[in-house]
Structure formats: C-alpha cells, structure tokens
Amino acid sequence: MGKRYTNTTNIGGMAEIQTEYFASTVHQNGRDLEKRVENHLLSNHIKFQPGGNKNIDFIIDGDIYLDCVATSQSGSIDDKLATKCFKYLKKYNINEIYILHPYSPIEKHVAEHLEHLEKTMNSKIHMLNWPDFVYICNGGRFDTRKPYNIVVAGKGIKNHKPATIKVSKFFKL
C-alpha cells in the first residue's frame, strides 16, 4: 500500500479527530505500470535506462523516451500531462516523447494543449496504449502521431486527429 498519513482536524476548538488515510492509488498504479514495463523490457532483452525520481521513467534503446501515466479515469490529473511533456522535451533536448497512458482516454482540452505544445516546440507527443507500447518495443514507429484517444463530456470516446498541425505546417499558416 501507499504511505500512511495522519490528518488532525480541530472541531470548534473542542476536540481533535485523527484519521489515517493512504496516499492516492494513482501513485501505486503508476509504480505497478512502471514495473510491468520494466518486466516487459527485461523479458524481451530490450536495453533501457530507468529514469528514477524527477526523471522520465524509461529511456529505451537510447532514443525512446517513455513516461508512464496510470490514471484509471479521465480527469484533472491529466491536466499535468502538458507540463510533464514540456519539462522532458526541454530537459532531454528531444523532439519526440512517448507517454504510456493505457487505462483511460484524455479529455479534449488536454489533447488540444498537447497539440499546441507539439506545434510550438516542433515535437511529437505520442499517447500510447499497451499494444502501441509493444509495437514500438518491436521496432515500430509512428511517422505521424496517431490520433489522441479523447473523451468528450456526454459524447463518449473519440479520436482527436493531428491533422491541424500537418495542415498548418504544409501551408505555413
């Protein structure tokens, strides 16, 4: 389980109530996903460097920069994805990053933010599910970024195509 924390609440100056709670399951799910990736890489004899704390999770074969995100549902935690991508694109001086995000789609505004980041940093941000991850581990590449798997409130899951970036670059708008 995650770390235990104690929260003390003072109720009207009369009594204190102490409650214990666990850190978010997101962190545990993230560690589990990282372990699953590591096991896959090891079992397939694929060279990688683990990133460690405050670094990207994996550098695979020296040129695939992969970070794991294990949110089980779309929501505000995904708003941090663009900041994470910006940080790693700058830190490692790369123009392509892979985010393994297998358990849920992202929201449309997050996809738009990532797409804006791709345009302004002349980069590709690949949001992968597990089969996509296996595909790149087997030497596959995405020449054009695949559509983001998004959720639109009340309308279900849709694809968010990268066409606007390609059209803008072609016509130099």
N, C-alpha and C. Protein backbone atom coordinates (compact mmCIF):
# COMPACT_ATOMS: atom_id res chain seq x y z
N MET A 1 0.84 -1.18 0.00
CA MET A 1 0.00 0.00 0.00
C MET A 1 0.88 1.24 0.00
N GLY A 2 0.23 2.39 -0.17
CA GLY A 2 0.93 3.67 -0.15
C GLY A 2 1.31 4.07 1.25
N LYS A 3 1.97 5.19 1.38
CA LYS A 3 2.36 5.69 2.69
C LYS A 3 1.12 6.05 3.50
N ARG A 4 1.24 5.90 4.82
CA ARG A 4 0.15 6.30 5.70
C ARG A 4 0.39 7.73 6.15
N TYR A 5 -0.67 8.54 6.15
CA TYR A 5 -0.60 9.91 6.61
C TYR A 5 -1.64 10.08 7.70
N THR A 6 -1.37 10.97 8.64
CA THR A 6 -2.33 11.26 9.69
C THR A 6 -2.82 12.68 9.50
N ASN A 7 -4.11 12.86 9.54
CA ASN A 7 -4.72 14.16 9.39
C ASN A 7 -5.41 14.50 10.71
N THR A 8 -5.06 15.65 11.28
CA THR A 8 -5.67 16.08 12.54
C THR A 8 -6.61 17.23 12.26
N THR A 9 -7.86 17.10 12.69
CA THR A 9 -8.86 18.13 12.47
C THR A 9 -9.35 18.65 13.81
N ASN A 10 -9.32 19.96 13.96
CA ASN A 10 -9.80 20.61 15.17
C ASN A 10 -11.24 21.03 14.91
N ILE A 11 -12.17 20.56 15.73
CA ILE A 11 -13.58 20.87 15.52
C ILE A 11 -14.01 21.89 16.57
N GLY A 12 -14.12 23.14 16.13
CA GLY A 12 -14.61 24.21 17.00
C GLY A 12 -13.83 24.39 18.29
N GLY A 13 -12.55 24.06 18.29
CA GLY A 13 -11.72 24.22 19.48
C GLY A 13 -12.03 23.20 20.57
N MET A 14 -12.95 22.30 20.33
CA MET A 14 -13.38 21.38 21.37
C MET A 14 -12.61 20.05 21.36
N ALA A 15 -12.46 19.46 20.21
CA ALA A 15 -11.85 18.13 20.15
C ALA A 15 -11.04 17.99 18.87
N GLU A 16 -10.10 17.11 18.93
CA GLU A 16 -9.31 16.81 17.75
C GLU A 16 -9.63 15.40 17.30
N ILE A 17 -9.82 15.25 16.01
CA ILE A 17 -10.07 13.93 15.45
C ILE A 17 -8.90 13.59 14.55
N GLN A 18 -8.29 12.44 14.80
CA GLN A 18 -7.20 11.99 13.97
C GLN A 18 -7.69 10.87 13.07
N THR A 19 -7.43 11.03 11.78
CA THR A 19 -7.80 9.99 10.83
C THR A 19 -6.58 9.61 10.00
N GLU A 20 -6.49 8.35 9.65
CA GLU A 20 -5.42 7.89 8.79
C GLU A 20 -5.98 7.68 7.39
N TYR A 21 -5.17 8.00 6.40
CA TYR A 21 -5.57 7.73 5.03
C TYR A 21 -4.35 7.36 4.22
N PHE A 22 -4.56 6.71 3.11
CA PHE A 22 -3.47 6.27 2.25
C PHE A 22 -3.26 7.29 1.15
N ALA A 23 -2.00 7.40 0.70
CA ALA A 23 -1.70 8.24 -0.45
C ALA A 23 -2.49 7.71 -1.64
N SER A 24 -2.70 8.55 -2.59
CA SER A 24 -3.51 8.22 -3.76
C SER A 24 -3.10 6.90 -4.39
N THR A 25 -4.08 6.16 -4.82
CA THR A 25 -3.80 4.91 -5.53
C THR A 25 -3.14 5.17 -6.87
N VAL A 26 -3.20 6.42 -7.34
CA VAL A 26 -2.56 6.77 -8.61
C VAL A 26 -1.07 6.45 -8.53
N HIS A 27 -0.44 6.78 -7.41
CA HIS A 27 0.99 6.51 -7.27
C HIS A 27 1.28 5.01 -7.29
N GLN A 28 0.46 4.24 -6.61
CA GLN A 28 0.65 2.79 -6.62
C GLN A 28 0.41 2.22 -8.01
N ASN A 29 -0.65 2.70 -8.67
CA ASN A 29 -0.92 2.25 -10.03
C ASN A 29 0.24 2.60 -10.95
N GLY A 30 0.82 3.79 -10.75
CA GLY A 30 1.97 4.21 -11.55
C GLY A 30 3.16 3.31 -11.36
N ARG A 31 3.45 2.97 -10.10
CA ARG A 31 4.57 2.05 -9.82
C ARG A 31 4.31 0.68 -10.44
N ASP A 32 3.07 0.22 -10.35
CA ASP A 32 2.71 -1.08 -10.93
C ASP A 32 2.90 -1.06 -12.46
N LEU A 33 2.49 0.03 -13.10
CA LEU A 33 2.66 0.14 -14.55
C LEU A 33 4.14 0.19 -14.91
N GLU A 34 4.92 0.95 -14.15
CA GLU A 34 6.37 1.02 -14.41
C GLU A 34 7.00 -0.38 -14.26
N LYS A 35 6.58 -1.13 -13.27
CA LYS A 35 7.10 -2.48 -13.07
C LYS A 35 6.71 -3.38 -14.24
N ARG A 36 5.48 -3.23 -14.72
CA ARG A 36 5.01 -4.01 -15.87
C ARG A 36 5.86 -3.69 -17.10
N VAL A 37 6.16 -2.41 -17.32
CA VAL A 37 7.01 -2.00 -18.45
C VAL A 37 8.40 -2.60 -18.29
N GLU A 38 8.96 -2.46 -17.09
CA GLU A 38 10.31 -3.00 -16.83
C GLU A 38 10.35 -4.50 -17.09
N ASN A 39 9.36 -5.23 -16.60
CA ASN A 39 9.31 -6.68 -16.83
C ASN A 39 9.22 -7.01 -18.31
N HIS A 40 8.43 -6.24 -19.05
CA HIS A 40 8.32 -6.48 -20.49
C HIS A 40 9.67 -6.25 -21.18
N LEU A 41 10.33 -5.16 -20.83
CA LEU A 41 11.62 -4.85 -21.45
C LEU A 41 12.66 -5.91 -21.11
N LEU A 42 12.72 -6.32 -19.84
CA LEU A 42 13.68 -7.34 -19.42
C LEU A 42 13.41 -8.68 -20.11
N SER A 43 12.15 -9.08 -20.15
CA SER A 43 11.81 -10.39 -20.72
C SER A 43 12.05 -10.43 -22.23
N ASN A 44 12.08 -9.28 -22.88
CA ASN A 44 12.33 -9.22 -24.31
C ASN A 44 13.75 -8.76 -24.64
N HIS A 45 14.60 -8.69 -23.60
CA HIS A 45 16.01 -8.33 -23.76
C HIS A 45 16.19 -7.00 -24.49
N ILE A 46 15.37 -6.02 -24.11
CA ILE A 46 15.44 -4.69 -24.71
C ILE A 46 16.22 -3.80 -23.76
N LYS A 47 17.25 -3.12 -24.29
CA LYS A 47 18.07 -2.25 -23.46
C LYS A 47 17.29 -1.01 -23.04
N PHE A 48 17.43 -0.64 -21.77
CA PHE A 48 16.76 0.56 -21.27
C PHE A 48 17.50 1.10 -20.06
N GLN A 49 17.24 2.36 -19.79
CA GLN A 49 17.71 3.00 -18.57
C GLN A 49 16.49 3.42 -17.79
N PRO A 50 16.41 3.03 -16.52
CA PRO A 50 15.31 3.55 -15.69
C PRO A 50 15.60 5.00 -15.34
N GLY A 51 14.56 5.80 -15.28
CA GLY A 51 14.75 7.22 -15.05
C GLY A 51 14.91 7.60 -13.60
N GLY A 52 14.15 6.99 -12.72
CA GLY A 52 14.23 7.37 -11.31
C GLY A 52 13.39 8.61 -11.01
N ASN A 53 13.49 9.07 -9.79
CA ASN A 53 12.69 10.19 -9.31
C ASN A 53 13.06 11.48 -10.05
N LYS A 54 12.05 12.24 -10.46
CA LYS A 54 12.19 13.52 -11.16
C LYS A 54 12.77 13.40 -12.57
N ASN A 55 12.83 12.21 -13.09
CA ASN A 55 13.29 11.99 -14.45
C ASN A 55 12.22 11.23 -15.21
N ILE A 56 12.38 11.18 -16.51
CA ILE A 56 11.46 10.37 -17.31
C ILE A 56 11.60 8.92 -16.84
N ASP A 57 10.55 8.14 -16.94
CA ASP A 57 10.57 6.79 -16.38
C ASP A 57 11.55 5.84 -17.08
N PHE A 58 11.62 5.89 -18.42
CA PHE A 58 12.48 4.97 -19.16
C PHE A 58 13.07 5.64 -20.40
N ILE A 59 14.31 5.31 -20.67
CA ILE A 59 14.92 5.63 -21.96
C ILE A 59 15.23 4.27 -22.59
N ILE A 60 14.51 3.95 -23.64
CA ILE A 60 14.56 2.62 -24.26
C ILE A 60 15.43 2.68 -25.51
N ASP A 61 16.39 1.78 -25.60
CA ASP A 61 17.30 1.72 -26.75
C ASP A 61 17.97 3.06 -27.04
N GLY A 62 18.10 3.89 -26.04
CA GLY A 62 18.80 5.15 -26.19
C GLY A 62 18.05 6.26 -26.90
N ASP A 63 16.87 5.96 -27.49
CA ASP A 63 16.18 7.02 -28.22
C ASP A 63 14.67 7.07 -28.03
N ILE A 64 14.10 6.18 -27.25
CA ILE A 64 12.67 6.23 -26.96
C ILE A 64 12.51 6.69 -25.51
N TYR A 65 12.02 7.90 -25.36
CA TYR A 65 11.83 8.49 -24.04
C TYR A 65 10.37 8.26 -23.64
N LEU A 66 10.17 7.40 -22.63
CA LEU A 66 8.84 6.93 -22.25
C LEU A 66 8.54 7.26 -20.79
N ASP A 67 7.37 7.84 -20.57
CA ASP A 67 6.90 8.07 -19.22
C ASP A 67 5.57 7.35 -19.05
N CYS A 68 5.34 6.80 -17.87
CA CYS A 68 4.13 6.03 -17.58
C CYS A 68 3.13 6.88 -16.80
N VAL A 69 1.87 6.82 -17.21
CA VAL A 69 0.79 7.52 -16.52
C VAL A 69 -0.33 6.51 -16.34
N ALA A 70 -0.71 6.28 -15.09
CA ALA A 70 -1.64 5.19 -14.80
C ALA A 70 -2.96 5.67 -14.22
N THR A 71 -3.51 6.74 -14.76
CA THR A 71 -4.81 7.18 -14.27
C THR A 71 -5.89 6.26 -14.80
N SER A 72 -6.81 5.89 -13.93
CA SER A 72 -7.84 4.93 -14.33
C SER A 72 -9.06 5.61 -14.93
N GLN A 73 -9.12 6.93 -14.84
CA GLN A 73 -10.22 7.66 -15.47
C GLN A 73 -9.74 9.05 -15.86
N SER A 74 -10.39 9.61 -16.86
CA SER A 74 -10.03 10.94 -17.32
C SER A 74 -10.37 11.95 -16.24
N GLY A 75 -9.56 12.98 -16.12
CA GLY A 75 -9.85 13.99 -15.12
C GLY A 75 -8.75 15.01 -15.00
N SER A 76 -8.82 15.78 -13.92
CA SER A 76 -7.91 16.91 -13.75
C SER A 76 -6.45 16.50 -13.61
N ILE A 77 -6.18 15.28 -13.18
CA ILE A 77 -4.78 14.86 -13.04
C ILE A 77 -4.09 14.86 -14.41
N ASP A 78 -4.85 14.61 -15.49
CA ASP A 78 -4.28 14.63 -16.83
C ASP A 78 -3.90 16.03 -17.29
N ASP A 79 -4.41 17.06 -16.62
CA ASP A 79 -4.03 18.43 -16.97
C ASP A 79 -2.53 18.64 -16.84
N LYS A 80 -1.88 17.83 -16.03
CA LYS A 80 -0.43 17.95 -15.82
C LYS A 80 0.39 17.35 -16.95
N LEU A 81 -0.25 16.62 -17.85
CA LEU A 81 0.49 15.96 -18.93
C LEU A 81 1.29 16.93 -19.78
N ALA A 82 0.70 18.06 -20.14
CA ALA A 82 1.41 19.02 -20.99
C ALA A 82 2.65 19.57 -20.28
N THR A 83 2.54 19.85 -19.00
CA THR A 83 3.69 20.33 -18.23
C THR A 83 4.77 19.27 -18.17
N LYS A 84 4.37 18.04 -17.94
CA LYS A 84 5.32 16.92 -17.91
C LYS A 84 6.04 16.79 -19.25
N CYS A 85 5.28 16.85 -20.34
CA CYS A 85 5.89 16.73 -21.67
C CYS A 85 6.85 17.89 -21.94
N PHE A 86 6.43 19.10 -21.61
CA PHE A 86 7.29 20.27 -21.80
C PHE A 86 8.61 20.10 -21.03
N LYS A 87 8.48 19.69 -19.78
CA LYS A 87 9.66 19.50 -18.93
C LYS A 87 10.65 18.51 -19.53
N TYR A 88 10.15 17.37 -19.99
CA TYR A 88 11.04 16.34 -20.52
C TYR A 88 11.59 16.68 -21.91
N LEU A 89 10.78 17.33 -22.75
CA LEU A 89 11.28 17.75 -24.05
C LEU A 89 12.47 18.70 -23.88
N LYS A 90 12.35 19.62 -22.92
CA LYS A 90 13.43 20.58 -22.65
C LYS A 90 14.61 19.91 -21.94
N LYS A 91 14.33 19.15 -20.91
CA LYS A 91 15.38 18.55 -20.09
C LYS A 91 16.30 17.64 -20.90
N TYR A 92 15.70 16.83 -21.77
CA TYR A 92 16.48 15.86 -22.54
C TYR A 92 16.83 16.35 -23.95
N ASN A 93 16.38 17.58 -24.27
CA ASN A 93 16.64 18.16 -25.59
C ASN A 93 16.21 17.19 -26.70
N ILE A 94 14.96 16.75 -26.62
CA ILE A 94 14.41 15.81 -27.59
C ILE A 94 13.22 16.45 -28.29
N ASN A 95 12.78 15.86 -29.40
CA ASN A 95 11.59 16.39 -30.07
C ASN A 95 10.50 15.33 -30.22
N GLU A 96 10.65 14.23 -29.49
CA GLU A 96 9.65 13.17 -29.53
C GLU A 96 9.60 12.50 -28.16
N ILE A 97 8.38 12.36 -27.64
CA ILE A 97 8.21 11.74 -26.33
C ILE A 97 7.02 10.78 -26.39
N TYR A 98 7.12 9.71 -25.63
CA TYR A 98 6.08 8.69 -25.57
C TYR A 98 5.51 8.65 -24.15
N ILE A 99 4.20 8.75 -24.06
CA ILE A 99 3.52 8.67 -22.77
C ILE A 99 2.65 7.41 -22.80
N LEU A 100 3.00 6.43 -21.98
CA LEU A 100 2.19 5.22 -21.87
C LEU A 100 1.04 5.54 -20.93
N HIS A 101 -0.15 5.63 -21.49
CA HIS A 101 -1.36 6.05 -20.77
C HIS A 101 -2.46 5.05 -21.13
N PRO A 102 -2.36 3.81 -20.62
CA PRO A 102 -3.19 2.73 -21.15
C PRO A 102 -4.59 2.57 -20.57
N TYR A 103 -4.91 3.23 -19.46
CA TYR A 103 -6.13 2.88 -18.75
C TYR A 103 -7.32 3.79 -19.00
N SER A 104 -7.11 4.94 -19.63
CA SER A 104 -8.22 5.85 -19.87
C SER A 104 -7.86 6.82 -20.98
N PRO A 105 -8.88 7.39 -21.62
CA PRO A 105 -8.61 8.42 -22.62
C PRO A 105 -8.28 9.74 -21.91
N ILE A 106 -7.85 10.74 -22.68
CA ILE A 106 -7.63 12.08 -22.11
C ILE A 106 -8.80 12.96 -22.54
N GLU A 107 -8.97 14.07 -21.84
CA GLU A 107 -10.05 14.99 -22.20
C GLU A 107 -9.61 15.85 -23.38
N LYS A 108 -10.59 16.39 -24.10
CA LYS A 108 -10.32 17.15 -25.32
C LYS A 108 -9.40 18.34 -25.06
N HIS A 109 -9.61 19.08 -23.97
CA HIS A 109 -8.77 20.25 -23.72
C HIS A 109 -7.31 19.85 -23.47
N VAL A 110 -7.09 18.65 -22.91
CA VAL A 110 -5.72 18.16 -22.71
C VAL A 110 -5.09 17.84 -24.06
N ALA A 111 -5.86 17.19 -24.94
CA ALA A 111 -5.37 16.89 -26.30
C ALA A 111 -5.01 18.18 -27.03
N GLU A 112 -5.85 19.20 -26.90
CA GLU A 112 -5.58 20.48 -27.57
C GLU A 112 -4.32 21.13 -27.02
N HIS A 113 -4.11 21.02 -25.72
CA HIS A 113 -2.91 21.58 -25.09
C HIS A 113 -1.66 20.85 -25.59
N LEU A 114 -1.73 19.53 -25.65
CA LEU A 114 -0.60 18.74 -26.15
C LEU A 114 -0.31 19.08 -27.61
N GLU A 115 -1.37 19.23 -28.39
CA GLU A 115 -1.22 19.57 -29.80
C GLU A 115 -0.57 20.95 -29.96
N HIS A 116 -0.96 21.89 -29.12
CA HIS A 116 -0.35 23.23 -29.14
C HIS A 116 1.14 23.13 -28.78
N LEU A 117 1.45 22.33 -27.80
CA LEU A 117 2.84 22.12 -27.39
C LEU A 117 3.64 21.50 -28.54
N GLU A 118 3.06 20.54 -29.23
CA GLU A 118 3.73 19.93 -30.38
C GLU A 118 4.07 20.99 -31.43
N LYS A 119 3.11 21.85 -31.68
CA LYS A 119 3.29 22.89 -32.70
C LYS A 119 4.37 23.90 -32.28
N THR A 120 4.30 24.38 -31.06
CA THR A 120 5.23 25.42 -30.62
C THR A 120 6.64 24.88 -30.39
N MET A 121 6.76 23.61 -30.03
CA MET A 121 8.08 23.03 -29.78
C MET A 121 8.56 22.14 -30.93
N ASN A 122 7.80 22.12 -32.03
CA ASN A 122 8.14 21.30 -33.18
C ASN A 122 8.48 19.87 -32.73
N SER A 123 7.52 19.26 -32.07
CA SER A 123 7.76 17.95 -31.47
C SER A 123 6.56 17.03 -31.72
N LYS A 124 6.73 15.78 -31.33
CA LYS A 124 5.63 14.80 -31.36
C LYS A 124 5.45 14.26 -29.95
N ILE A 125 4.21 14.22 -29.52
CA ILE A 125 3.87 13.65 -28.22
C ILE A 125 2.93 12.48 -28.50
N HIS A 126 3.43 11.28 -28.29
CA HIS A 126 2.67 10.06 -28.58
C HIS A 126 2.02 9.56 -27.30
N MET A 127 0.70 9.46 -27.30
CA MET A 127 -0.03 8.87 -26.18
C MET A 127 -0.29 7.41 -26.56
N LEU A 128 0.32 6.49 -25.80
CA LEU A 128 0.28 5.07 -26.15
C LEU A 128 -0.63 4.27 -25.24
N ASN A 129 -1.26 3.27 -25.82
CA ASN A 129 -1.89 2.23 -25.01
C ASN A 129 -0.89 1.07 -24.97
N TRP A 130 -1.25 -0.03 -24.32
CA TRP A 130 -0.28 -1.13 -24.19
C TRP A 130 0.11 -1.73 -25.55
N PRO A 131 -0.83 -2.02 -26.46
CA PRO A 131 -0.40 -2.54 -27.77
C PRO A 131 0.53 -1.58 -28.53
N ASP A 132 0.32 -0.28 -28.40
CA ASP A 132 1.22 0.70 -29.03
C ASP A 132 2.62 0.58 -28.44
N PHE A 133 2.69 0.42 -27.13
CA PHE A 133 3.97 0.28 -26.45
C PHE A 133 4.71 -0.97 -26.96
N VAL A 134 4.00 -2.08 -27.04
CA VAL A 134 4.60 -3.32 -27.55
C VAL A 134 5.08 -3.11 -28.99
N TYR A 135 4.30 -2.40 -29.79
CA TYR A 135 4.64 -2.11 -31.18
C TYR A 135 5.97 -1.35 -31.27
N ILE A 136 6.15 -0.31 -30.46
CA ILE A 136 7.43 0.44 -30.54
C ILE A 136 8.59 -0.39 -29.98
N CYS A 137 8.31 -1.24 -29.01
CA CYS A 137 9.37 -2.12 -28.48
C CYS A 137 9.84 -3.12 -29.53
N ASN A 138 8.96 -3.44 -30.45
CA ASN A 138 9.30 -4.38 -31.53
C ASN A 138 9.85 -3.66 -32.76
N GLY A 139 10.23 -2.39 -32.59
CA GLY A 139 10.84 -1.65 -33.70
C GLY A 139 9.88 -0.80 -34.50
N GLY A 140 8.61 -0.79 -34.15
CA GLY A 140 7.63 0.03 -34.86
C GLY A 140 7.82 1.50 -34.56
N ARG A 141 7.37 2.34 -35.47
CA ARG A 141 7.46 3.79 -35.31
C ARG A 141 6.15 4.43 -35.77
N PHE A 142 5.87 5.58 -35.23
CA PHE A 142 4.75 6.39 -35.68
C PHE A 142 5.34 7.60 -36.41
N ASP A 143 5.33 7.56 -37.75
CA ASP A 143 5.87 8.69 -38.51
C ASP A 143 5.01 9.93 -38.28
N THR A 144 3.72 9.74 -38.33
CA THR A 144 2.78 10.80 -37.98
C THR A 144 2.18 10.40 -36.65
N ARG A 145 2.06 11.34 -35.75
CA ARG A 145 1.49 11.00 -34.45
C ARG A 145 0.09 10.45 -34.64
N LYS A 146 -0.18 9.34 -33.98
CA LYS A 146 -1.51 8.75 -34.07
C LYS A 146 -2.52 9.65 -33.35
N PRO A 147 -3.80 9.58 -33.72
CA PRO A 147 -4.79 10.41 -33.05
C PRO A 147 -4.84 10.14 -31.55
N TYR A 148 -5.05 11.19 -30.79
CA TYR A 148 -5.23 11.02 -29.35
C TYR A 148 -6.59 10.40 -29.09
N ASN A 149 -6.65 9.50 -28.13
CA ASN A 149 -7.90 8.89 -27.70
C ASN A 149 -8.48 9.81 -26.63
N ILE A 150 -9.57 10.52 -26.97
CA ILE A 150 -10.11 11.51 -26.04
C ILE A 150 -11.52 11.14 -25.61
N VAL A 151 -11.93 11.75 -24.53
CA VAL A 151 -13.30 11.62 -24.07
C VAL A 151 -13.91 13.02 -24.12
N VAL A 152 -15.11 13.11 -24.67
CA VAL A 152 -15.84 14.37 -24.73
C VAL A 152 -17.05 14.21 -23.83
N ALA A 153 -17.20 15.12 -22.88
CA ALA A 153 -18.27 15.01 -21.89
C ALA A 153 -19.62 14.74 -22.56
N GLY A 154 -20.25 13.68 -22.13
CA GLY A 154 -21.57 13.32 -22.62
C GLY A 154 -21.59 12.70 -24.01
N LYS A 155 -20.43 12.60 -24.67
CA LYS A 155 -20.41 12.08 -26.04
C LYS A 155 -19.53 10.86 -26.18
N GLY A 156 -18.92 10.39 -25.11
CA GLY A 156 -18.11 9.19 -25.17
C GLY A 156 -16.70 9.44 -25.69
N ILE A 157 -16.08 8.37 -26.15
CA ILE A 157 -14.67 8.42 -26.56
C ILE A 157 -14.58 8.62 -28.07
N LYS A 158 -13.69 9.51 -28.46
CA LYS A 158 -13.47 9.81 -29.87
C LYS A 158 -11.97 9.92 -30.13
N ASN A 159 -11.60 9.97 -31.40
CA ASN A 159 -10.22 10.23 -31.78
C ASN A 159 -10.04 11.70 -32.08
N HIS A 160 -8.91 12.24 -31.68
CA HIS A 160 -8.57 13.64 -31.94
C HIS A 160 -7.38 13.62 -32.89
N LYS A 161 -7.65 13.81 -34.18
CA LYS A 161 -6.64 13.65 -35.22
C LYS A 161 -5.62 14.80 -35.20
N PRO A 162 -4.39 14.52 -35.59
CA PRO A 162 -3.35 15.55 -35.60
C PRO A 162 -3.33 16.37 -36.88
N ALA A 163 -4.39 16.33 -37.66
CA ALA A 163 -4.39 16.96 -38.98
C ALA A 163 -4.07 18.46 -38.93
N THR A 164 -4.52 19.17 -37.92
CA THR A 164 -4.32 20.62 -37.90
C THR A 164 -2.84 20.98 -37.90
N ILE A 165 -2.02 20.23 -37.23
CA ILE A 165 -0.59 20.51 -37.21
C ILE A 165 -0.01 20.29 -38.60
N LYS A 166 -0.34 19.18 -39.23
CA LYS A 166 0.20 18.86 -40.54
C LYS A 166 -0.27 19.89 -41.57
N VAL A 167 -1.55 20.27 -41.53
CA VAL A 167 -2.05 21.26 -42.47
C VAL A 167 -1.36 22.59 -42.25
N SER A 168 -1.22 23.00 -40.98
CA SER A 168 -0.56 24.27 -40.68
C SER A 168 0.87 24.28 -41.17
N LYS A 169 1.60 23.19 -40.99
CA LYS A 169 2.99 23.14 -41.44
C LYS A 169 3.06 23.17 -42.96
N PHE A 170 2.11 22.50 -43.62
CA PHE A 170 2.13 22.44 -45.08
C PHE A 170 1.87 23.82 -45.68
N PHE A 171 0.87 24.51 -45.16
CA PHE A 171 0.51 25.82 -45.69
C PHE A 171 1.23 26.98 -45.01
N LYS A 172 2.06 26.67 -43.99
CA LYS A 172 2.84 27.67 -43.26
C LYS A 172 1.94 28.81 -42.75
N LEU A 173 0.85 28.43 -42.09
CA LEU A 173 -0.07 29.43 -41.54
C LEU A 173 0.45 30.03 -40.28
